[in-house]
Every structure is written in structure tokens, then in C-alpha cells.
PDB file of N, CA and C in Angstrom:
ATOM      1  N   UNK A   1       0.859  -1.194  -0.010  1.00  0.00           N
ATOM      2  CA  UNK A   1      -0.094   0.172   0.097  1.00  0.00           C
ATOM      3  C   UNK A   1       0.878   1.144   0.186  1.00  0.00           C
ATOM      4  N   UNK A   2       0.636   2.171  -0.791  1.00  0.00           N
ATOM      5  CA  UNK A   2       1.350   3.417  -0.979  1.00  0.00           C
ATOM      6  C   UNK A   2       0.909   4.538   0.181  1.00  0.00           C
ATOM      7  N   UNK A   3       1.812   5.252   0.676  1.00  0.00           N
ATOM      8  CA  UNK A   3       1.395   6.238   1.547  1.00  0.00           C
ATOM      9  C   UNK A   3       1.544   7.511   0.966  1.00  0.00           C
ATOM     10  N   UNK A   4       1.676   7.630  -0.382  1.00  0.00           N
ATOM     11  CA  UNK A   4       2.002   8.965  -1.166  1.00  0.00           C
ATOM     12  C   UNK A   4       0.802   9.910  -1.195  1.00  0.00           C
ATOM     13  N   UNK A   5      -0.345   9.131  -1.232  1.00  0.00           N
ATOM     14  CA  UNK A   5      -1.580   9.983  -1.403  1.00  0.00           C
ATOM     15  C   UNK A   5      -2.389  10.314  -0.092  1.00  0.00           C
ATOM     16  N   UNK A   6      -1.773   9.927   1.049  1.00  0.00           N
ATOM     17  CA  UNK A   6      -2.192  10.245   2.476  1.00  0.00           C
ATOM     18  C   UNK A   6      -2.105  11.619   2.754  1.00  0.00           C
ATOM     19  N   UNK A   7      -3.108  12.179   3.287  1.00  0.00           N
ATOM     20  CA  UNK A   7      -3.245  13.500   3.346  1.00  0.00           C
ATOM     21  C   UNK A   7      -2.771  13.627   5.146  1.00  0.00           C
ATOM     22  N   UNK A   8      -1.905  14.686   5.464  1.00  0.00           N
ATOM     23  CA  UNK A   8      -1.835  14.845   6.820  1.00  0.00           C
ATOM     24  C   UNK A   8      -3.057  15.318   7.432  1.00  0.00           C
ATOM     25  N   UNK A   9      -2.987  15.054   8.858  1.00  0.00           N
ATOM     26  CA  UNK A   9      -4.185  15.449   9.704  1.00  0.00           C
ATOM     27  C   UNK A   9      -4.534  17.119   9.584  1.00  0.00           C
ATOM     28  N   UNK A  10      -5.597  17.588   9.440  1.00  0.00           N
ATOM     29  CA  UNK A  10      -5.757  19.005   9.263  1.00  0.00           C
ATOM     30  C   UNK A  10      -5.165  19.888  10.322  1.00  0.00           C
ATOM     31  N   UNK A  11      -4.897  19.314  11.402  1.00  0.00           N
ATOM     32  CA  UNK A  11      -4.431  20.100  12.585  1.00  0.00           C
ATOM     33  C   UNK A  11      -2.866  20.091  12.326  1.00  0.00           C
ATOM     34  N   UNK A  12      -2.161  19.185  11.471  1.00  0.00           N
ATOM     35  CA  UNK A  12      -0.776  19.363  11.388  1.00  0.00           C
ATOM     36  C   UNK A  12      -0.279  20.747  10.729  1.00  0.00           C
ATOM     37  N   UNK A  13       0.903  21.300  11.248  1.00  0.00           N
ATOM     38  CA  UNK A  13       1.197  22.658  10.957  1.00  0.00           C
ATOM     39  C   UNK A  13       1.824  23.381  12.222  1.00  0.00           C
ATOM     40  N   UNK A  14       2.005  24.475  12.048  1.00  0.00           N
ATOM     41  CA  UNK A  14       2.514  25.649  13.036  1.00  0.00           C
ATOM     42  C   UNK A  14       1.441  26.384  13.959  1.00  0.00           C
ATOM     43  N   UNK A  15       1.443  26.339  14.911  1.00  0.00           N
ATOM     44  CA  UNK A  15       0.338  26.941  15.933  1.00  0.00           C
ATOM     45  C   UNK A  15       1.190  27.989  16.634  1.00  0.00           C
ATOM     46  N   UNK A  16       0.763  29.192  16.715  1.00  0.00           N
ATOM     47  CA  UNK A  16       1.570  30.224  17.297  1.00  0.00           C
ATOM     48  C   UNK A  16       0.659  31.210  18.408  1.00  0.00           C
ATOM     49  N   UNK A  17       0.928  31.533  19.532  1.00  0.00           N
ATOM     50  CA  UNK A  17       0.466  32.536  20.380  1.00  0.00           C
ATOM     51  C   UNK A  17       0.252  33.795  19.561  1.00  0.00           C
ATOM     52  N   UNK A  18      -0.531  34.664  19.741  1.00  0.00           N
ATOM     53  CA  UNK A  18      -0.655  36.053  19.388  1.00  0.00           C
ATOM     54  C   UNK A  18       0.515  36.717  19.309  1.00  0.00           C
ATOM     55  N   UNK A  19       1.317  36.712  20.316  1.00  0.00           N
ATOM     56  CA  UNK A  19       2.444  37.537  20.301  1.00  0.00           C
ATOM     57  C   UNK A  19       3.581  36.876  19.830  1.00  0.00           C
ATOM     58  N   UNK A  20       3.371  35.720  19.153  1.00  0.00           N
ATOM     59  CA  UNK A  20       4.379  34.758  18.504  1.00  0.00           C
ATOM     60  C   UNK A  20       5.383  34.304  19.476  1.00  0.00           C
ATOM     61  N   UNK A  21       5.363  34.391  20.582  1.00  0.00           N
ATOM     62  CA  UNK A  21       6.451  34.001  21.798  1.00  0.00           C
ATOM     63  C   UNK A  21       6.393  32.344  21.788  1.00  0.00           C
ATOM     64  N   UNK A  22       5.256  31.620  21.773  1.00  0.00           N
ATOM     65  CA  UNK A  22       5.245  30.279  21.895  1.00  0.00           C
ATOM     66  C   UNK A  22       4.730  29.710  20.405  1.00  0.00           C
ATOM     67  N   UNK A  23       5.381  28.706  19.952  1.00  0.00           N
ATOM     68  CA  UNK A  23       5.189  28.174  18.682  1.00  0.00           C
ATOM     69  C   UNK A  23       5.163  26.544  18.699  1.00  0.00           C
ATOM     70  N   UNK A  24       4.011  26.020  18.360  1.00  0.00           N
ATOM     71  CA  UNK A  24       3.883  24.623  18.277  1.00  0.00           C
ATOM     72  C   UNK A  24       3.994  24.041  16.809  1.00  0.00           C
ATOM     73  N   UNK A  25       4.811  23.272  16.610  1.00  0.00           N
ATOM     74  CA  UNK A  25       4.894  22.649  15.288  1.00  0.00           C
ATOM     75  C   UNK A  25       4.469  21.339  15.370  1.00  0.00           C
ATOM     76  N   UNK A  26       3.184  20.944  14.833  1.00  0.00           N
ATOM     77  CA  UNK A  26       2.716  19.543  14.906  1.00  0.00           C
ATOM     78  C   UNK A  26       3.220  18.790  13.663  1.00  0.00           C
ATOM     79  N   UNK A  27       4.141  18.067  13.583  1.00  0.00           N
ATOM     80  CA  UNK A  27       4.595  17.272  12.587  1.00  0.00           C
ATOM     81  C   UNK A  27       3.775  16.157  12.208  1.00  0.00           C
ATOM     82  N   UNK A  28       3.804  15.947  10.680  1.00  0.00           N
ATOM     83  CA  UNK A  28       2.751  14.715  10.320  1.00  0.00           C
ATOM     84  C   UNK A  28       3.318  13.294  10.900  1.00  0.00           C
ATOM     85  N   UNK A  29       4.599  13.163  11.311  1.00  0.00           N
ATOM     86  CA  UNK A  29       5.042  12.033  12.217  1.00  0.00           C
ATOM     87  C   UNK A  29       4.133  11.806  13.564  1.00  0.00           C
ATOM     88  N   UNK A  30       3.536  12.682  14.259  1.00  0.00           N
ATOM     89  CA  UNK A  30       3.107  12.479  15.556  1.00  0.00           C
ATOM     90  C   UNK A  30       4.092  13.049  16.553  1.00  0.00           C
ATOM     91  N   UNK A  31       5.018  13.722  16.094  1.00  0.00           N
ATOM     92  CA  UNK A  31       5.878  14.487  16.974  1.00  0.00           C
ATOM     93  C   UNK A  31       5.607  15.976  17.020  1.00  0.00           C
ATOM     94  N   UNK A  32       6.056  16.670  18.019  1.00  0.00           N
ATOM     95  CA  UNK A  32       5.867  18.246  18.076  1.00  0.00           C
ATOM     96  C   UNK A  32       7.365  18.604  18.387  1.00  0.00           C
ATOM     97  N   UNK A  33       7.306  20.095  18.059  1.00  0.00           N
ATOM     98  CA  UNK A  33       8.454  20.697  18.420  1.00  0.00           C
ATOM     99  C   UNK A  33       7.928  22.219  19.074  1.00  0.00           C
ATOM    100  N   UNK A  34       8.257  22.462  20.177  1.00  0.00           N
ATOM    101  CA  UNK A  34       7.698  23.683  20.783  1.00  0.00           C
ATOM    102  C   UNK A  34       8.826  24.739  20.919  1.00  0.00           C
ATOM    103  N   UNK A  35       8.961  25.868  20.346  1.00  0.00           N
ATOM    104  CA  UNK A  35       9.842  27.063  20.566  1.00  0.00           C
ATOM    105  C   UNK A  35       9.204  27.804  21.391  1.00  0.00           C
ATOM    106  N   UNK A  36      10.079  28.564  22.280  1.00  0.00           N
ATOM    107  CA  UNK A  36       9.716  29.510  23.213  1.00  0.00           C
ATOM    108  C   UNK A  36      10.730  30.760  23.001  1.00  0.00           C
ATOM    109  N   UNK A  37      10.080  31.789  22.589  1.00  0.00           N
ATOM    110  CA  UNK A  37      11.115  33.032  22.478  1.00  0.00           C
ATOM    111  C   UNK A  37      11.951  32.746  21.368  1.00  0.00           C
ATOM    112  N   UNK A  38      13.166  32.903  21.610  1.00  0.00           N
ATOM    113  CA  UNK A  38      14.218  32.547  20.636  1.00  0.00           C
ATOM    114  C   UNK A  38      15.041  31.223  20.788  1.00  0.00           C
ATOM    115  N   UNK A  39      14.233  30.451  21.927  1.00  0.00           N
ATOM    116  CA  UNK A  39      14.793  28.864  22.035  1.00  0.00           C
ATOM    117  C   UNK A  39      14.115  28.178  21.314  1.00  0.00           C
ATOM    118  N   UNK A  40      14.694  27.822  20.110  1.00  0.00           N
ATOM    119  CA  UNK A  40      14.017  26.684  19.326  1.00  0.00           C
ATOM    120  C   UNK A  40      14.075  25.385  19.952  1.00  0.00           C
ATOM    121  N   UNK A  41      13.203  24.491  19.835  1.00  0.00           N
ATOM    122  CA  UNK A  41      13.077  23.166  20.488  1.00  0.00           C
ATOM    123  C   UNK A  41      13.178  23.187  21.895  1.00  0.00           C
ATOM    124  N   UNK A  42      12.310  24.104  22.396  1.00  0.00           N
ATOM    125  CA  UNK A  42      12.356  24.140  23.872  1.00  0.00           C
ATOM    126  C   UNK A  42      11.845  22.750  24.559  1.00  0.00           C
ATOM    127  N   UNK A  43      10.817  22.249  23.786  1.00  0.00           N
ATOM    128  CA  UNK A  43      10.280  21.070  24.243  1.00  0.00           C
ATOM    129  C   UNK A  43       9.905  20.306  22.798  1.00  0.00           C
ATOM    130  N   UNK A  44      10.216  19.015  23.057  1.00  0.00           N
ATOM    131  CA  UNK A  44       9.888  18.222  22.096  1.00  0.00           C
ATOM    132  C   UNK A  44       9.179  16.656  22.543  1.00  0.00           C
ATOM    133  N   UNK A  45       8.429  16.074  21.627  1.00  0.00           N
ATOM    134  CA  UNK A  45       7.877  15.018  22.138  1.00  0.00           C
ATOM    135  C   UNK A  45       6.827  14.525  21.142  1.00  0.00           C
ATOM    136  N   UNK A  46       5.846  13.764  21.489  1.00  0.00           N
ATOM    137  CA  UNK A  46       4.862  13.018  20.773  1.00  0.00           C
ATOM    138  C   UNK A  46       3.478  13.605  21.045  1.00  0.00           C
ATOM    139  N   UNK A  47       2.559  13.607  20.075  1.00  0.00           N
ATOM    140  CA  UNK A  47       1.237  14.125  20.372  1.00  0.00           C
ATOM    141  C   UNK A  47       0.210  12.830  19.783  1.00  0.00           C
ATOM    142  N   UNK A  48      -1.080  12.904  20.282  1.00  0.00           N
ATOM    143  CA  UNK A  48      -2.082  11.959  19.674  1.00  0.00           C
ATOM    144  C   UNK A  48      -3.244  12.980  19.436  1.00  0.00           C
ATOM    145  N   UNK A  49      -3.960  12.843  18.527  1.00  0.00           N
ATOM    146  CA  UNK A  49      -5.248  13.426  18.329  1.00  0.00           C
ATOM    147  C   UNK A  49      -6.334  12.446  18.199  1.00  0.00           C
ATOM    148  N   UNK A  50      -7.520  12.912  19.096  1.00  0.00           N
ATOM    149  CA  UNK A  50      -8.510  12.133  18.844  1.00  0.00           C
ATOM    150  C   UNK A  50      -9.840  13.151  18.921  1.00  0.00           C
ATOM    151  N   UNK A  51     -10.315  13.252  17.690  1.00  0.00           N
ATOM    152  CA  UNK A  51     -11.170  14.437  17.417  1.00  0.00           C
ATOM    153  C   UNK A  51     -10.543  15.512  17.353  1.00  0.00           C
ATOM    154  N   UNK A  52     -11.255  16.394  18.127  1.00  0.00           N
ATOM    155  CA  UNK A  52     -10.575  17.881  18.465  1.00  0.00           C
ATOM    156  C   UNK A  52      -9.846  18.000  19.620  1.00  0.00           C
ATOM    157  N   UNK A  53      -9.326  16.783  20.107  1.00  0.00           N
ATOM    158  CA  UNK A  53      -8.521  16.851  21.473  1.00  0.00           C
ATOM    159  C   UNK A  53      -7.202  16.450  21.095  1.00  0.00           C
ATOM    160  N   UNK A  54      -5.967  16.948  21.852  1.00  0.00           N
ATOM    161  CA  UNK A  54      -4.680  16.703  21.658  1.00  0.00           C
ATOM    162  C   UNK A  54      -4.148  16.370  22.851  1.00  0.00           C
ATOM    163  N   UNK A  55      -3.138  15.242  22.969  1.00  0.00           N
ATOM    164  CA  UNK A  55      -2.583  14.692  24.128  1.00  0.00           C
ATOM    165  C   UNK A  55      -0.955  14.876  23.639  1.00  0.00           C
ATOM    166  N   UNK A  56      -0.271  15.593  24.698  1.00  0.00           N
ATOM    167  CA  UNK A  56       0.975  15.604  24.359  1.00  0.00           C
ATOM    168  C   UNK A  56       1.589  14.901  25.570  1.00  0.00           C
ATOM    169  N   UNK A  57       3.017  14.429  24.920  1.00  0.00           N
ATOM    170  CA  UNK A  57       3.965  13.626  25.948  1.00  0.00           C
ATOM    171  C   UNK A  57       5.278  14.044  25.441  1.00  0.00           C
ATOM    172  N   UNK A  58       5.993  14.871  26.143  1.00  0.00           N
ATOM    173  CA  UNK A  58       7.221  15.453  25.943  1.00  0.00           C
ATOM    174  C   UNK A  58       8.295  14.160  26.202  1.00  0.00           C
ATOM    175  N   UNK A  59       9.413  14.511  25.669  1.00  0.00           N
ATOM    176  CA  UNK A  59      10.574  13.498  25.771  1.00  0.00           C
ATOM    177  C   UNK A  59      10.902  13.198  27.290  1.00  0.00           C
ATOM    178  N   UNK A  60      10.660  13.933  28.089  1.00  0.00           N
ATOM    179  CA  UNK A  60      10.999  13.889  29.641  1.00  0.00           C
ATOM    180  C   UNK A  60       9.796  13.110  30.327  1.00  0.00           C
ATOM    181  N   UNK A  61       8.683  12.786  29.489  1.00  0.00           N
ATOM    182  CA  UNK A  61       7.606  12.138  30.142  1.00  0.00           C
ATOM    183  C   UNK A  61       6.415  12.970  30.566  1.00  0.00           C
ATOM    184  N   UNK A  62       6.750  14.200  30.710  1.00  0.00           N
ATOM    185  CA  UNK A  62       5.661  15.390  31.110  1.00  0.00           C
ATOM    186  C   UNK A  62       4.481  15.344  30.088  1.00  0.00           C
ATOM    187  N   UNK A  63       3.313  15.224  30.636  1.00  0.00           N
ATOM    188  CA  UNK A  63       1.889  15.264  29.697  1.00  0.00           C
ATOM    189  C   UNK A  63       1.341  16.482  29.894  1.00  0.00           C
ATOM    190  N   UNK A  64       0.485  16.938  28.867  1.00  0.00           N
ATOM    191  CA  UNK A  64      -0.282  18.120  28.807  1.00  0.00           C
ATOM    192  C   UNK A  64      -1.353  17.495  27.473  1.00  0.00           C
ATOM    193  N   UNK A  65      -2.447  18.537  27.667  1.00  0.00           N
ATOM    194  CA  UNK A  65      -3.352  18.319  26.666  1.00  0.00           C
ATOM    195  C   UNK A  65      -3.781  19.599  26.010  1.00  0.00           C
ATOM    196  N   UNK A  66      -5.001  19.303  25.202  1.00  0.00           N
ATOM    197  CA  UNK A  66      -5.432  20.763  24.690  1.00  0.00           C
ATOM    198  C   UNK A  66      -6.799  20.345  23.712  1.00  0.00           C
ATOM    199  N   UNK A  67      -7.451  21.343  23.211  1.00  0.00           N
ATOM    200  CA  UNK A  67      -8.618  21.288  22.590  1.00  0.00           C
ATOM    201  C   UNK A  67      -8.596  22.244  21.457  1.00  0.00           C
ATOM    202  N   UNK A  68      -9.113  21.695  20.170  1.00  0.00           N
ATOM    203  CA  UNK A  68      -9.045  22.611  18.983  1.00  0.00           C
ATOM    204  C   UNK A  68     -10.544  23.195  19.031  1.00  0.00           C
ATOM    205  N   UNK A  69     -10.701  24.436  19.036  1.00  0.00           N
ATOM    206  CA  UNK A  69     -12.046  25.039  18.853  1.00  0.00           C
ATOM    207  C   UNK A  69     -12.295  26.111  17.938  1.00  0.00           C
ATOM    208  N   UNK A  70     -13.063  25.996  16.741  1.00  0.00           N
ATOM    209  CA  UNK A  70     -13.155  27.183  15.913  1.00  0.00           C
ATOM    210  C   UNK A  70     -11.739  27.464  15.385  1.00  0.00           C
ATOM    211  N   UNK A  71     -11.032  26.613  15.044  1.00  0.00           N
ATOM    212  CA  UNK A  71      -9.608  26.885  14.484  1.00  0.00           C
ATOM    213  C   UNK A  71      -8.633  27.663  15.369  1.00  0.00           C
ATOM    214  N   UNK A  72      -8.790  27.324  16.653  1.00  0.00           N
ATOM    215  CA  UNK A  72      -8.035  27.860  17.819  1.00  0.00           C
ATOM    216  C   UNK A  72      -7.588  26.592  18.545  1.00  0.00           C
ATOM    217  N   UNK A  73      -6.257  26.708  18.926  1.00  0.00           N
ATOM    218  CA  UNK A  73      -5.841  25.616  20.064  1.00  0.00           C
ATOM    219  C   UNK A  73      -5.747  26.196  21.352  1.00  0.00           C
ATOM    220  N   UNK A  74      -6.394  25.539  22.317  1.00  0.00           N
ATOM    221  CA  UNK A  74      -6.410  25.996  23.538  1.00  0.00           C
ATOM    222  C   UNK A  74      -5.559  24.909  24.404  1.00  0.00           C
ATOM    223  N   UNK A  75      -4.459  25.349  24.873  1.00  0.00           N
ATOM    224  CA  UNK A  75      -3.547  24.467  25.620  1.00  0.00           C
ATOM    225  C   UNK A  75      -2.840  24.955  26.836  1.00  0.00           C
ATOM    226  N   UNK A  76      -3.168  24.344  27.831  1.00  0.00           N
ATOM    227  CA  UNK A  76      -2.453  24.792  29.039  1.00  0.00           C
ATOM    228  C   UNK A  76      -2.512  26.235  29.261  1.00  0.00           C
ATOM    229  N   UNK A  77      -3.703  26.803  29.418  1.00  0.00           N
ATOM    230  CA  UNK A  77      -3.846  28.235  29.458  1.00  0.00           C
ATOM    231  C   UNK A  77      -3.343  29.180  28.477  1.00  0.00           C
ATOM    232  N   UNK A  78      -2.807  28.659  27.300  1.00  0.00           N
ATOM    233  CA  UNK A  78      -2.503  29.307  26.144  1.00  0.00           C
ATOM    234  C   UNK A  78      -3.599  29.131  24.901  1.00  0.00           C
ATOM    235  N   UNK A  79      -3.479  30.207  24.229  1.00  0.00           N
ATOM    236  CA  UNK A  79      -4.352  30.261  23.103  1.00  0.00           C
ATOM    237  C   UNK A  79      -3.363  30.317  21.844  1.00  0.00           C
ATOM    238  N   UNK A  80      -3.482  29.446  20.965  1.00  0.00           N
ATOM    239  CA  UNK A  80      -2.598  29.693  19.581  1.00  0.00           C
ATOM    240  C   UNK A  80      -3.462  29.387  18.388  1.00  0.00           C
ATOM    241  N   UNK A  81      -2.935  30.114  17.610  1.00  0.00           N
ATOM    242  CA  UNK A  81      -3.600  30.150  16.176  1.00  0.00           C
ATOM    243  C   UNK A  81      -2.610  29.488  15.103  1.00  0.00           C
ATOM    244  N   UNK A  82      -3.566  29.091  14.082  1.00  0.00           N
ATOM    245  CA  UNK A  82      -2.451  28.368  13.057  1.00  0.00           C
ATOM    246  C   UNK A  82      -1.914  29.566  12.231  1.00  0.00           C
ATOM    247  N   UNK A  83      -0.659  29.295  12.100  1.00  0.00           N
ATOM    248  CA  UNK A  83       0.487  30.313  11.388  1.00  0.00           C
ATOM    249  C   UNK A  83      -0.187  30.281   9.846  1.00  0.00           C
ATOM    250  N   UNK A  84      -0.270  31.438   9.213  1.00  0.00           N
ATOM    251  CA  UNK A  84      -0.604  31.436   7.728  1.00  0.00           C
ATOM    252  C   UNK A  84       0.562  31.604   7.007  1.00  0.00           C
TER     253      UNK A  84
END
């Protein structure tokens, strides 16, 4: 079976706080990379999506979650928007 025609999940991509300080890149591999300010890759780990809910597990084992509502990601008190 070929995976060339498989489209990534619609939430895959870059999500950014309004001030641009926090950036979550959701990769199509099920991994994420979070930048904070000038610190690229401040946190990295895996994520899973179930409907509009996201579960994060960083590489140290820390867990967090969030929800997508109306094209906005609400995560740990932060509000992130899809980067255009």
C-alpha cells in the first residue's frame, strides 16, 4: 500500500500564540517541536489526536493536553492560532 496519497491530519502545521512567543509545530509524524521566544526546540515529544482533542507527551515524560475549537488551539492556559 502506498502512503504517497495520504493527506496529513488537518491540525498538522504551525500553531502560534498571538505575540509569537510560543510556537507549536505539529509534525505529520506524530511528533511536535515547541519553541519559546528565541529558544528553538524548547520542548519536543509526541502527540496524539482524537477528534478535536490533543494529548502531548514530551521526551521527559511530562504530559499535557489541549482542545481545538473554531480553528484555535487551547492548551495549558495558552491560545494558539494556525500560522498562515
